[in-house]
Amino acid sequence: MIFRLSQKLNQKIKTSKLNELATIPLHQNPFVDWSCHLFLANRIQYIILCNTKSFYSCVMTGKGITNEKQFTKCALNCIRDYTADDANQLAFRKFIAPESEPIQFAKALNRSVTSSMNQLVVYAQDLLIEDEMSAHEVGFKLNDYLLSAIAAKKSDGYGKPKDAFQRMVEINSKSN
């Protein structure tokens, strides 16, 4: 499993210097490649976990997470719980859990991923602050957010993370 860390998150969990982390290509199993970023809302730390290919997202609090081991455990639990509540528990059990070891930490895949994640963070901050939503609820809203990076076809212009994740599930279910 690959966790692609932002510089802020890397500093928090002290994996290593970000420039020492490798830039790894997208994992052959897109379900186990997650981009992660630390952000603040109302002076509370949150961590957004986005599937690198589909931008399917979940949000967790950053409180108490100070090292790789804690981060990994909390991130996997967050992804598991969120997919279960979003009717994607089968996807977690079939495509994510079997390949959750070994864990690799890496830099962001590219600027397109970083840019889309920044858009999601701004929206998440608004939902957390203005709408006073819980971190868990924010994930459901983020997965309905339109992003140009994941349009099914260029002519579509935009796509939703939930739809992109569902396409991944369908494609991988047929090939297995």
C-alpha atoms as a PDB file:
ATOM      1  CA  MET A   1       0.000   0.000   0.000  1.00  0.00           C
ATOM      2  CA  ILE A   2       1.243   3.472  -0.848  1.00  0.00           C
ATOM      3  CA  PHE A   3       0.524   6.567   1.218  1.00  0.00           C
ATOM      4  CA  ARG A   4       1.597   9.717  -0.633  1.00  0.00           C
ATOM      5  CA  LEU A   5       2.221  12.369   2.005  1.00  0.00           C
ATOM      6  CA  SER A   6       2.095  16.137   1.842  1.00  0.00           C
ATOM      7  CA  GLN A   7       5.045  17.938   3.387  1.00  0.00           C
ATOM      8  CA  LYS A   8       2.957  19.007   6.423  1.00  0.00           C
ATOM      9  CA  LEU A   9       1.764  15.471   7.098  1.00  0.00           C
ATOM     10  CA  ASN A  10       5.235  14.044   6.601  1.00  0.00           C
ATOM     11  CA  GLN A  11       6.591  16.458   9.230  1.00  0.00           C
ATOM     12  CA  LYS A  12       3.817  15.498  11.668  1.00  0.00           C
ATOM     13  CA  ILE A  13       4.389  11.743  11.483  1.00  0.00           C
ATOM     14  CA  LYS A  14       8.145  12.026  11.009  1.00  0.00           C
ATOM     15  CA  THR A  15       8.621   9.429   8.271  1.00  0.00           C
ATOM     16  CA  SER A  16      11.711  11.030   6.739  1.00  0.00           C
ATOM     17  CA  LYS A  17      12.620  14.157   4.849  1.00  0.00           C
ATOM     18  CA  LEU A  18      10.177  14.511   1.971  1.00  0.00           C
ATOM     19  CA  ASN A  19      12.983  14.949  -0.552  1.00  0.00           C
ATOM     20  CA  GLU A  20      14.292  11.550   0.583  1.00  0.00           C
ATOM     21  CA  LEU A  21      10.959   9.884  -0.147  1.00  0.00           C
ATOM     22  CA  ALA A  22      10.697   8.347  -3.567  1.00  0.00           C
ATOM     23  CA  THR A  23       8.306   9.448  -6.268  1.00  0.00           C
ATOM     24  CA  ILE A  24       6.675   6.113  -6.959  1.00  0.00           C
ATOM     25  CA  PRO A  25       4.448   5.515 -10.009  1.00  0.00           C
ATOM     26  CA  LEU A  26       0.780   4.752  -9.445  1.00  0.00           C
ATOM     27  CA  HIS A  27       0.398   1.311  -7.841  1.00  0.00           C
ATOM     28  CA  GLN A  28      -0.792  -1.438 -10.219  1.00  0.00           C
ATOM     29  CA  ASN A  29      -3.754  -1.893  -7.867  1.00  0.00           C
ATOM     30  CA  PRO A  30      -5.261   1.630  -7.814  1.00  0.00           C
ATOM     31  CA  PHE A  31      -7.246   0.828  -4.647  1.00  0.00           C
ATOM     32  CA  VAL A  32      -4.094   0.794  -2.492  1.00  0.00           C
ATOM     33  CA  ASP A  33      -2.647   4.119  -3.633  1.00  0.00           C
ATOM     34  CA  TRP A  34      -3.753   6.994  -1.361  1.00  0.00           C
ATOM     35  CA  SER A  35      -2.699  10.649  -1.284  1.00  0.00           C
ATOM     36  CA  CYS A  36      -2.835  12.261   2.154  1.00  0.00           C
ATOM     37  CA  HIS A  37      -2.707  15.829   3.414  1.00  0.00           C
ATOM     38  CA  LEU A  38      -2.853  17.514   6.829  1.00  0.00           C
ATOM     39  CA  PHE A  39      -4.990  20.655   7.161  1.00  0.00           C
ATOM     40  CA  LEU A  40      -6.588  22.836   9.827  1.00  0.00           C
ATOM     41  CA  ALA A  41     -10.215  23.803  10.399  1.00  0.00           C
ATOM     42  CA  ASN A  42     -11.177  25.756  13.535  1.00  0.00           C
ATOM     43  CA  ARG A  43      -7.643  25.153  14.862  1.00  0.00           C
ATOM     44  CA  ILE A  44      -8.214  21.387  14.739  1.00  0.00           C
ATOM     45  CA  GLN A  45      -5.958  19.153  12.664  1.00  0.00           C
ATOM     46  CA  TYR A  46      -7.583  16.923  10.069  1.00  0.00           C
ATOM     47  CA  ILE A  47      -6.128  14.483   7.565  1.00  0.00           C
ATOM     48  CA  ILE A  48      -7.725  13.956   4.181  1.00  0.00           C
ATOM     49  CA  LEU A  49      -7.141  10.557   2.562  1.00  0.00           C
ATOM     50  CA  CYS A  50      -7.831  10.510  -1.178  1.00  0.00           C
ATOM     51  CA  ASN A  51      -7.562   7.531  -3.435  1.00  0.00           C
ATOM     52  CA  THR A  52      -4.939   8.809  -5.868  1.00  0.00           C
ATOM     53  CA  LYS A  53      -6.730   7.643  -9.002  1.00  0.00           C
ATOM     54  CA  SER A  54     -10.391   8.349  -8.192  1.00  0.00           C
ATOM     55  CA  PHE A  55     -10.068  11.042  -5.459  1.00  0.00           C
ATOM     56  CA  TYR A  56     -12.531   9.014  -3.396  1.00  0.00           C
ATOM     57  CA  SER A  57     -11.972  10.668  -0.028  1.00  0.00           C
ATOM     58  CA  CYS A  58     -12.401  10.317   3.686  1.00  0.00           C
ATOM     59  CA  VAL A  59     -11.395  12.679   6.477  1.00  0.00           C
ATOM     60  CA  MET A  60     -10.120  11.895   9.957  1.00  0.00           C
ATOM     61  CA  THR A  61      -8.884  13.994  12.840  1.00  0.00           C
ATOM     62  CA  GLY A  62      -5.129  14.278  13.230  1.00  0.00           C
ATOM     63  CA  LYS A  63      -5.215  14.375  17.029  1.00  0.00           C
ATOM     64  CA  GLY A  64      -2.854  11.856  18.628  1.00  0.00           C
ATOM     65  CA  ILE A  65      -1.234  10.796  15.365  1.00  0.00           C
ATOM     66  CA  THR A  66       2.486  11.409  15.806  1.00  0.00           C
ATOM     67  CA  ASN A  67       4.231   8.572  13.981  1.00  0.00           C
ATOM     68  CA  GLU A  68       4.014   6.220  10.988  1.00  0.00           C
ATOM     69  CA  LYS A  69       2.504   3.338  12.953  1.00  0.00           C
ATOM     70  CA  GLN A  70      -0.334   5.430  14.423  1.00  0.00           C
ATOM     71  CA  PHE A  71      -0.987   7.070  11.069  1.00  0.00           C
ATOM     72  CA  THR A  72      -1.117   3.762   9.214  1.00  0.00           C
ATOM     73  CA  LYS A  73      -3.471   2.172  11.741  1.00  0.00           C
ATOM     74  CA  CYS A  74      -5.822   5.186  11.846  1.00  0.00           C
ATOM     75  CA  ALA A  75      -5.774   5.644   8.059  1.00  0.00           C
ATOM     76  CA  LEU A  76      -6.657   2.007   7.353  1.00  0.00           C
ATOM     77  CA  ASN A  77      -9.410   2.091   9.992  1.00  0.00           C
ATOM     78  CA  CYS A  78     -10.788   5.318   8.524  1.00  0.00           C
ATOM     79  CA  ILE A  79     -10.816   3.905   4.985  1.00  0.00           C
ATOM     80  CA  ARG A  80     -12.402   0.645   6.198  1.00  0.00           C
ATOM     81  CA  ASP A  81     -15.105   2.404   8.236  1.00  0.00           C
ATOM     82  CA  TYR A  82     -15.853   4.931   5.539  1.00  0.00           C
ATOM     83  CA  THR A  83     -16.148   2.363   2.744  1.00  0.00           C
ATOM     84  CA  ALA A  84     -18.429   0.262   4.962  1.00  0.00           C
ATOM     85  CA  ASP A  85     -20.739   3.220   5.584  1.00  0.00           C
ATOM     86  CA  ASP A  86     -20.693   4.130   1.894  1.00  0.00           C
ATOM     87  CA  ALA A  87     -21.741   0.649   0.700  1.00  0.00           C
ATOM     88  CA  ASN A  88     -18.215  -0.130  -0.534  1.00  0.00           C
ATOM     89  CA  GLN A  89     -17.210  -2.601   2.172  1.00  0.00           C
ATOM     90  CA  LEU A  90     -16.798  -5.339  -0.435  1.00  0.00           C
ATOM     91  CA  ALA A  91     -14.314  -3.145  -2.324  1.00  0.00           C
ATOM     92  CA  PHE A  92     -12.312  -2.696   0.871  1.00  0.00           C
ATOM     93  CA  ARG A  93     -12.297  -6.419   1.686  1.00  0.00           C
ATOM     94  CA  LYS A  94     -11.592  -7.532  -1.875  1.00  0.00           C
ATOM     95  CA  PHE A  95      -9.179  -4.882  -3.213  1.00  0.00           C
ATOM     96  CA  ILE A  96      -7.655  -2.968  -0.280  1.00  0.00           C
ATOM     97  CA  ALA A  97      -7.297  -5.205   2.791  1.00  0.00           C
ATOM     98  CA  PRO A  98      -5.398  -8.047   1.034  1.00  0.00           C
ATOM     99  CA  GLU A  99      -2.738  -5.592  -0.182  1.00  0.00           C
ATOM    100  CA  SER A 100      -2.515  -3.301   2.849  1.00  0.00           C
ATOM    101  CA  GLU A 101       0.960  -4.662   3.663  1.00  0.00           C
ATOM    102  CA  PRO A 102       3.713  -3.640   3.135  1.00  0.00           C
ATOM    103  CA  ILE A 103       3.224   0.103   3.602  1.00  0.00           C
ATOM    104  CA  GLN A 104       5.250   2.538   1.505  1.00  0.00           C
ATOM    105  CA  PHE A 105       5.430   6.293   1.978  1.00  0.00           C
ATOM    106  CA  ALA A 106       6.029   8.488  -1.048  1.00  0.00           C
ATOM    107  CA  LYS A 107       5.796  11.994  -2.441  1.00  0.00           C
ATOM    108  CA  ALA A 108       2.732  13.257  -4.282  1.00  0.00           C
ATOM    109  CA  LEU A 109       2.230  11.620  -7.673  1.00  0.00           C
ATOM    110  CA  ASN A 110       2.015  14.884  -9.633  1.00  0.00           C
ATOM    111  CA  ARG A 111       0.733  18.463  -9.563  1.00  0.00           C
ATOM    112  CA  SER A 112      -2.670  17.478 -10.891  1.00  0.00           C
ATOM    113  CA  VAL A 113      -3.246  15.297  -7.810  1.00  0.00           C
ATOM    114  CA  THR A 114      -1.965  18.014  -5.476  1.00  0.00           C
ATOM    115  CA  SER A 115      -4.171  20.649  -7.110  1.00  0.00           C
ATOM    116  CA  SER A 116      -7.320  18.510  -6.909  1.00  0.00           C
ATOM    117  CA  MET A 117      -6.581  17.649  -3.285  1.00  0.00           C
ATOM    118  CA  ASN A 118      -6.190  21.347  -2.477  1.00  0.00           C
ATOM    119  CA  GLN A 119      -9.658  21.968  -3.966  1.00  0.00           C
ATOM    120  CA  LEU A 120     -11.079  19.185  -1.788  1.00  0.00           C
ATOM    121  CA  VAL A 121      -9.342  20.596   1.321  1.00  0.00           C
ATOM    122  CA  VAL A 122     -10.858  24.059   0.783  1.00  0.00           C
ATOM    123  CA  TYR A 123     -14.306  22.489   0.430  1.00  0.00           C
ATOM    124  CA  ALA A 124     -13.721  20.269   3.501  1.00  0.00           C
ATOM    125  CA  GLN A 125     -12.681  23.288   5.581  1.00  0.00           C
ATOM    126  CA  ASP A 126     -15.870  25.068   4.587  1.00  0.00           C
ATOM    127  CA  LEU A 127     -18.000  22.056   5.527  1.00  0.00           C
ATOM    128  CA  LEU A 128     -16.212  21.602   8.860  1.00  0.00           C
ATOM    129  CA  ILE A 129     -16.310  25.285   9.838  1.00  0.00           C
ATOM    130  CA  GLU A 130     -19.438  26.766   8.251  1.00  0.00           C
ATOM    131  CA  ASP A 131     -21.692  23.706   8.190  1.00  0.00           C
ATOM    132  CA  GLU A 132     -20.239  22.220  11.418  1.00  0.00           C
ATOM    133  CA  MET A 133     -20.183  18.724   9.908  1.00  0.00           C
ATOM    134  CA  SER A 134     -18.253  15.838  11.428  1.00  0.00           C
ATOM    135  CA  ALA A 135     -15.108  14.640   9.665  1.00  0.00           C
ATOM    136  CA  HIS A 136     -16.915  11.434   8.672  1.00  0.00           C
ATOM    137  CA  GLU A 137     -19.843  13.343   7.118  1.00  0.00           C
ATOM    138  CA  VAL A 138     -17.463  15.562   5.159  1.00  0.00           C
ATOM    139  CA  GLY A 139     -16.217  12.550   3.189  1.00  0.00           C
ATOM    140  CA  PHE A 140     -19.671  11.934   1.741  1.00  0.00           C
ATOM    141  CA  LYS A 141     -19.876  15.539   0.514  1.00  0.00           C
ATOM    142  CA  LEU A 142     -16.335  15.455  -0.906  1.00  0.00           C
ATOM    143  CA  ASN A 143     -17.181  12.376  -2.938  1.00  0.00           C
ATOM    144  CA  ASP A 144     -19.957  14.291  -4.707  1.00  0.00           C
ATOM    145  CA  TYR A 145     -17.672  17.238  -5.531  1.00  0.00           C
ATOM    146  CA  LEU A 146     -17.011  17.809  -9.236  1.00  0.00           C
ATOM    147  CA  LEU A 147     -13.346  17.575 -10.300  1.00  0.00           C
ATOM    148  CA  SER A 148     -11.941  17.957 -13.810  1.00  0.00           C
ATOM    149  CA  ALA A 149      -9.088  15.503 -13.124  1.00  0.00           C
ATOM    150  CA  ILE A 150     -11.436  12.502 -12.995  1.00  0.00           C
ATOM    151  CA  ALA A 151     -13.911  13.073 -15.792  1.00  0.00           C
ATOM    152  CA  ALA A 152     -14.906   9.750 -17.366  1.00  0.00           C
ATOM    153  CA  LYS A 153     -14.315  11.335 -20.789  1.00  0.00           C
ATOM    154  CA  LYS A 154     -12.642  14.629 -21.653  1.00  0.00           C
ATOM    155  CA  SER A 155     -15.918  15.759 -23.201  1.00  0.00           C
ATOM    156  CA  ASP A 156     -17.647  15.314 -19.816  1.00  0.00           C
ATOM    157  CA  GLY A 157     -15.437  18.023 -18.323  1.00  0.00           C
ATOM    158  CA  TYR A 158     -15.901  16.951 -14.707  1.00  0.00           C
ATOM    159  CA  GLY A 159     -16.454  13.829 -12.661  1.00  0.00           C
ATOM    160  CA  LYS A 160     -17.345  12.898  -9.088  1.00  0.00           C
ATOM    161  CA  PRO A 161     -14.962  10.851  -6.910  1.00  0.00           C
ATOM    162  CA  LYS A 162     -17.748   8.459  -5.913  1.00  0.00           C
ATOM    163  CA  ASP A 163     -18.506   7.701  -9.572  1.00  0.00           C
ATOM    164  CA  ALA A 164     -14.804   7.296 -10.429  1.00  0.00           C
ATOM    165  CA  PHE A 165     -14.344   4.879  -7.501  1.00  0.00           C
ATOM    166  CA  GLN A 166     -17.403   2.915  -8.590  1.00  0.00           C
ATOM    167  CA  ARG A 167     -15.972   2.629 -12.126  1.00  0.00           C
ATOM    168  CA  MET A 168     -12.762   1.235 -10.613  1.00  0.00           C
ATOM    169  CA  VAL A 169     -14.780  -1.338  -8.642  1.00  0.00           C
ATOM    170  CA  GLU A 170     -16.713  -2.415 -11.740  1.00  0.00           C
ATOM    171  CA  ILE A 171     -13.597  -2.699 -13.910  1.00  0.00           C
ATOM    172  CA  ASN A 172     -11.664  -4.671 -11.290  1.00  0.00           C
ATOM    173  CA  SER A 173     -14.611  -6.920 -10.439  1.00  0.00           C
ATOM    174  CA  LYS A 174     -14.873  -7.980 -14.097  1.00  0.00           C
ATOM    175  CA  SER A 175     -11.158  -8.716 -14.374  1.00  0.00           C
ATOM    176  CA  ASN A 176     -11.070 -10.878 -11.211  1.00  0.00           C
END
